[in-house]
Amino acid sequence: QVQLVESGGGLVQAGGSLRLSCAVSGRTGGSSAIGWFRQAPGKERDFVAAINWRFGRAYYSDSVKDRFAISRDNAKNTVSLQMNSLEPEDTANYYCAYRAIALTMINDATKYDSWGQGTQVTVSS
């Protein structure tokens, strides 16, 4: 079973940057992907970004595609989310998740198999 641990959250002013990391342990498949989702209090869990584990193809939600960048380091088994130009609306608990077969519907949280505990990101105005 794949396990994930997030780190890197914190408090930042609007316009600032943060870098989240997701440490991945366990055996990952060739068609797998790691996704980042976020959930604010009282709201649904929303897709942020995802990356194909083998080929590195990245996917983004419209709200972050010009500000965030997802990357992976296969040697270190980590996936990072670089977040720039942060806005108060980005405040949420951020989760990374693993999906064993990720060929379609990459933004569907219900299709992911394993989740981390989350890391809080707070952006002050």
C-alpha atoms as a PDB file:
ATOM      1  CA  GLN A   1       0.000   0.000   0.000  1.00  0.00           C
ATOM      2  CA  VAL A   2       1.257   3.445  -0.886  1.00  0.00           C
ATOM      3  CA  GLN A   3       1.614   5.890   1.982  1.00  0.00           C
ATOM      4  CA  LEU A   4       1.982   9.645   1.702  1.00  0.00           C
ATOM      5  CA  VAL A   5       3.182  12.336   4.087  1.00  0.00           C
ATOM      6  CA  GLU A   6       2.812  16.040   3.332  1.00  0.00           C
ATOM      7  CA  SER A   7       5.015  18.820   4.639  1.00  0.00           C
ATOM      8  CA  GLY A   8       5.741  22.457   3.980  1.00  0.00           C
ATOM      9  CA  GLY A   9       2.525  24.188   4.931  1.00  0.00           C
ATOM     10  CA  GLY A  10       2.418  27.355   6.985  1.00  0.00           C
ATOM     11  CA  LEU A  11       1.372  30.972   7.195  1.00  0.00           C
ATOM     12  CA  VAL A  12       2.294  33.374   4.411  1.00  0.00           C
ATOM     13  CA  GLN A  13       1.219  36.825   3.311  1.00  0.00           C
ATOM     14  CA  ALA A  14      -0.700  37.352   0.108  1.00  0.00           C
ATOM     15  CA  GLY A  15       1.664  37.436  -2.840  1.00  0.00           C
ATOM     16  CA  GLY A  16       4.122  35.126  -1.132  1.00  0.00           C
ATOM     17  CA  SER A  17       5.223  31.595  -1.926  1.00  0.00           C
ATOM     18  CA  LEU A  18       5.257  28.196  -0.292  1.00  0.00           C
ATOM     19  CA  ARG A  19       6.558  24.823  -1.380  1.00  0.00           C
ATOM     20  CA  LEU A  20       4.703  21.696  -0.322  1.00  0.00           C
ATOM     21  CA  SER A  21       6.260  18.264  -0.431  1.00  0.00           C
ATOM     22  CA  CYS A  22       4.694  14.827  -0.500  1.00  0.00           C
ATOM     23  CA  ALA A  23       6.865  11.878   0.500  1.00  0.00           C
ATOM     24  CA  VAL A  24       5.672   8.707  -1.202  1.00  0.00           C
ATOM     25  CA  SER A  25       6.457   5.255   0.164  1.00  0.00           C
ATOM     26  CA  GLY A  26       5.417   1.884  -1.201  1.00  0.00           C
ATOM     27  CA  ARG A  27       5.244   0.477  -4.668  1.00  0.00           C
ATOM     28  CA  THR A  28       3.872   2.787  -7.336  1.00  0.00           C
ATOM     29  CA  GLY A  29       2.514   1.616 -10.661  1.00  0.00           C
ATOM     30  CA  GLY A  30       3.462   2.654 -14.166  1.00  0.00           C
ATOM     31  CA  SER A  31       0.114   4.347 -14.824  1.00  0.00           C
ATOM     32  CA  SER A  32      -0.083   6.001 -11.440  1.00  0.00           C
ATOM     33  CA  ALA A  33      -0.340   9.636 -10.519  1.00  0.00           C
ATOM     34  CA  ILE A  34       0.053  11.821  -7.487  1.00  0.00           C
ATOM     35  CA  GLY A  35      -2.471  14.571  -7.014  1.00  0.00           C
ATOM     36  CA  TRP A  36      -2.794  17.584  -4.768  1.00  0.00           C
ATOM     37  CA  PHE A  37      -6.194  18.561  -3.450  1.00  0.00           C
ATOM     38  CA  ARG A  38      -7.285  21.189  -0.993  1.00  0.00           C
ATOM     39  CA  GLN A  39     -10.188  21.641   1.338  1.00  0.00           C
ATOM     40  CA  ALA A  40     -11.267  24.812   3.093  1.00  0.00           C
ATOM     41  CA  PRO A  41     -13.606  24.711   6.107  1.00  0.00           C
ATOM     42  CA  GLY A  42     -17.163  24.030   5.050  1.00  0.00           C
ATOM     43  CA  LYS A  43     -16.199  23.379   1.440  1.00  0.00           C
ATOM     44  CA  GLU A  44     -15.654  20.350  -0.741  1.00  0.00           C
ATOM     45  CA  ARG A  45     -12.248  18.912  -1.474  1.00  0.00           C
ATOM     46  CA  ASP A  46     -11.034  20.518  -4.711  1.00  0.00           C
ATOM     47  CA  PHE A  47      -8.493  19.392  -7.244  1.00  0.00           C
ATOM     48  CA  VAL A  48      -5.347  21.516  -7.443  1.00  0.00           C
ATOM     49  CA  ALA A  49      -2.799  19.647  -9.552  1.00  0.00           C
ATOM     50  CA  ALA A  50      -1.605  16.173 -10.461  1.00  0.00           C
ATOM     51  CA  ILE A  51       1.391  14.571 -12.100  1.00  0.00           C
ATOM     52  CA  ASN A  52       1.916  11.286 -13.871  1.00  0.00           C
ATOM     53  CA  TRP A  53       4.484   9.374 -11.869  1.00  0.00           C
ATOM     54  CA  ARG A  54       6.411   7.819 -14.754  1.00  0.00           C
ATOM     55  CA  PHE A  55       6.302  10.503 -17.472  1.00  0.00           C
ATOM     56  CA  GLY A  56       5.844  13.649 -15.437  1.00  0.00           C
ATOM     57  CA  ARG A  57       2.879  15.053 -17.337  1.00  0.00           C
ATOM     58  CA  ALA A  58       1.255  17.725 -15.187  1.00  0.00           C
ATOM     59  CA  TYR A  59      -2.351  18.779 -14.817  1.00  0.00           C
ATOM     60  CA  TYR A  60      -3.732  21.878 -13.105  1.00  0.00           C
ATOM     61  CA  SER A  61      -7.008  23.396 -12.097  1.00  0.00           C
ATOM     62  CA  ASP A  62      -7.819  26.661 -13.833  1.00  0.00           C
ATOM     63  CA  SER A  63      -7.536  28.585 -10.590  1.00  0.00           C
ATOM     64  CA  VAL A  64      -3.867  27.723 -10.043  1.00  0.00           C
ATOM     65  CA  LYS A  65      -2.384  26.884 -13.438  1.00  0.00           C
ATOM     66  CA  ASP A  66      -0.513  30.163 -13.828  1.00  0.00           C
ATOM     67  CA  ARG A  67       0.716  30.266 -10.219  1.00  0.00           C
ATOM     68  CA  PHE A  68       1.463  26.723  -9.053  1.00  0.00           C
ATOM     69  CA  ALA A  69       3.880  24.138 -10.399  1.00  0.00           C
ATOM     70  CA  ILE A  70       3.911  20.437  -9.621  1.00  0.00           C
ATOM     71  CA  SER A  71       7.002  18.304 -10.025  1.00  0.00           C
ATOM     72  CA  ARG A  72       8.258  14.886  -9.021  1.00  0.00           C
ATOM     73  CA  ASP A  73      11.585  13.393  -8.089  1.00  0.00           C
ATOM     74  CA  ASN A  74      11.419   9.675  -8.789  1.00  0.00           C
ATOM     75  CA  ALA A  75      14.781   9.026  -7.157  1.00  0.00           C
ATOM     76  CA  LYS A  76      13.656  10.594  -3.883  1.00  0.00           C
ATOM     77  CA  ASN A  77      10.035   9.454  -4.194  1.00  0.00           C
ATOM     78  CA  THR A  78       8.700  12.925  -3.614  1.00  0.00           C
ATOM     79  CA  VAL A  79       6.214  15.201  -5.336  1.00  0.00           C
ATOM     80  CA  SER A  80       6.398  18.936  -4.784  1.00  0.00           C
ATOM     81  CA  LEU A  81       3.924  21.727  -5.268  1.00  0.00           C
ATOM     82  CA  GLN A  82       5.485  25.153  -5.704  1.00  0.00           C
ATOM     83  CA  MET A  83       2.870  27.785  -4.946  1.00  0.00           C
ATOM     84  CA  ASN A  84       3.536  31.369  -6.004  1.00  0.00           C
ATOM     85  CA  SER A  85       1.467  34.559  -5.899  1.00  0.00           C
ATOM     86  CA  LEU A  86      -0.620  33.090  -3.123  1.00  0.00           C
ATOM     87  CA  GLU A  87      -4.030  34.594  -2.431  1.00  0.00           C
ATOM     88  CA  PRO A  88      -6.236  34.429   0.674  1.00  0.00           C
ATOM     89  CA  GLU A  89      -8.542  32.185  -1.362  1.00  0.00           C
ATOM     90  CA  ASP A  90      -5.764  29.576  -1.433  1.00  0.00           C
ATOM     91  CA  THR A  91      -6.132  29.077   2.317  1.00  0.00           C
ATOM     92  CA  ALA A  92      -7.004  25.433   2.920  1.00  0.00           C
ATOM     93  CA  ASN A  93      -5.745  22.108   4.133  1.00  0.00           C
ATOM     94  CA  TYR A  94      -3.711  20.591   1.312  1.00  0.00           C
ATOM     95  CA  TYR A  95      -3.618  16.858   0.720  1.00  0.00           C
ATOM     96  CA  CYS A  96      -1.576  14.716  -1.591  1.00  0.00           C
ATOM     97  CA  ALA A  97      -3.105  11.528  -2.904  1.00  0.00           C
ATOM     98  CA  TYR A  98      -2.074   8.472  -4.891  1.00  0.00           C
ATOM     99  CA  ARG A  99      -3.974   6.906  -7.734  1.00  0.00           C
ATOM    100  CA  ALA A 100      -2.821   3.575  -9.076  1.00  0.00           C
ATOM    101  CA  ILE A 101      -4.452   3.808 -12.516  1.00  0.00           C
ATOM    102  CA  ALA A 102      -4.708   7.413 -13.612  1.00  0.00           C
ATOM    103  CA  LEU A 103      -5.624   7.481 -17.288  1.00  0.00           C
ATOM    104  CA  THR A 104      -8.696   9.712 -17.144  1.00  0.00           C
ATOM    105  CA  MET A 105     -10.588  12.005 -14.761  1.00  0.00           C
ATOM    106  CA  ILE A 106      -7.374  13.038 -13.083  1.00  0.00           C
ATOM    107  CA  ASN A 107      -9.236  15.690 -11.076  1.00  0.00           C
ATOM    108  CA  ASP A 108     -11.742  13.313  -9.478  1.00  0.00           C
ATOM    109  CA  ALA A 109     -10.918  12.897  -5.789  1.00  0.00           C
ATOM    110  CA  THR A 110     -13.089   9.795  -5.496  1.00  0.00           C
ATOM    111  CA  LYS A 111     -10.779   7.932  -7.893  1.00  0.00           C
ATOM    112  CA  TYR A 112      -7.706   8.240  -5.657  1.00  0.00           C
ATOM    113  CA  ASP A 113      -6.625   5.257  -3.588  1.00  0.00           C
ATOM    114  CA  SER A 114      -4.482   6.665  -0.765  1.00  0.00           C
ATOM    115  CA  TRP A 115      -4.331  10.003   1.004  1.00  0.00           C
ATOM    116  CA  GLY A 116      -1.944  11.832   3.255  1.00  0.00           C
ATOM    117  CA  GLN A 117      -2.934  13.552   6.495  1.00  0.00           C
ATOM    118  CA  GLY A 118      -2.804  17.032   4.999  1.00  0.00           C
ATOM    119  CA  THR A 119      -0.858  20.208   5.671  1.00  0.00           C
ATOM    120  CA  GLN A 120      -2.406  23.564   6.428  1.00  0.00           C
ATOM    121  CA  VAL A 121      -1.752  26.571   4.229  1.00  0.00           C
ATOM    122  CA  THR A 122      -2.935  29.958   5.465  1.00  0.00           C
ATOM    123  CA  VAL A 123      -2.604  33.083   3.343  1.00  0.00           C
ATOM    124  CA  SER A 124      -3.162  36.374   5.120  1.00  0.00           C
ATOM    125  CA  SER A 125      -4.364  39.473   3.315  1.00  0.00           C
END
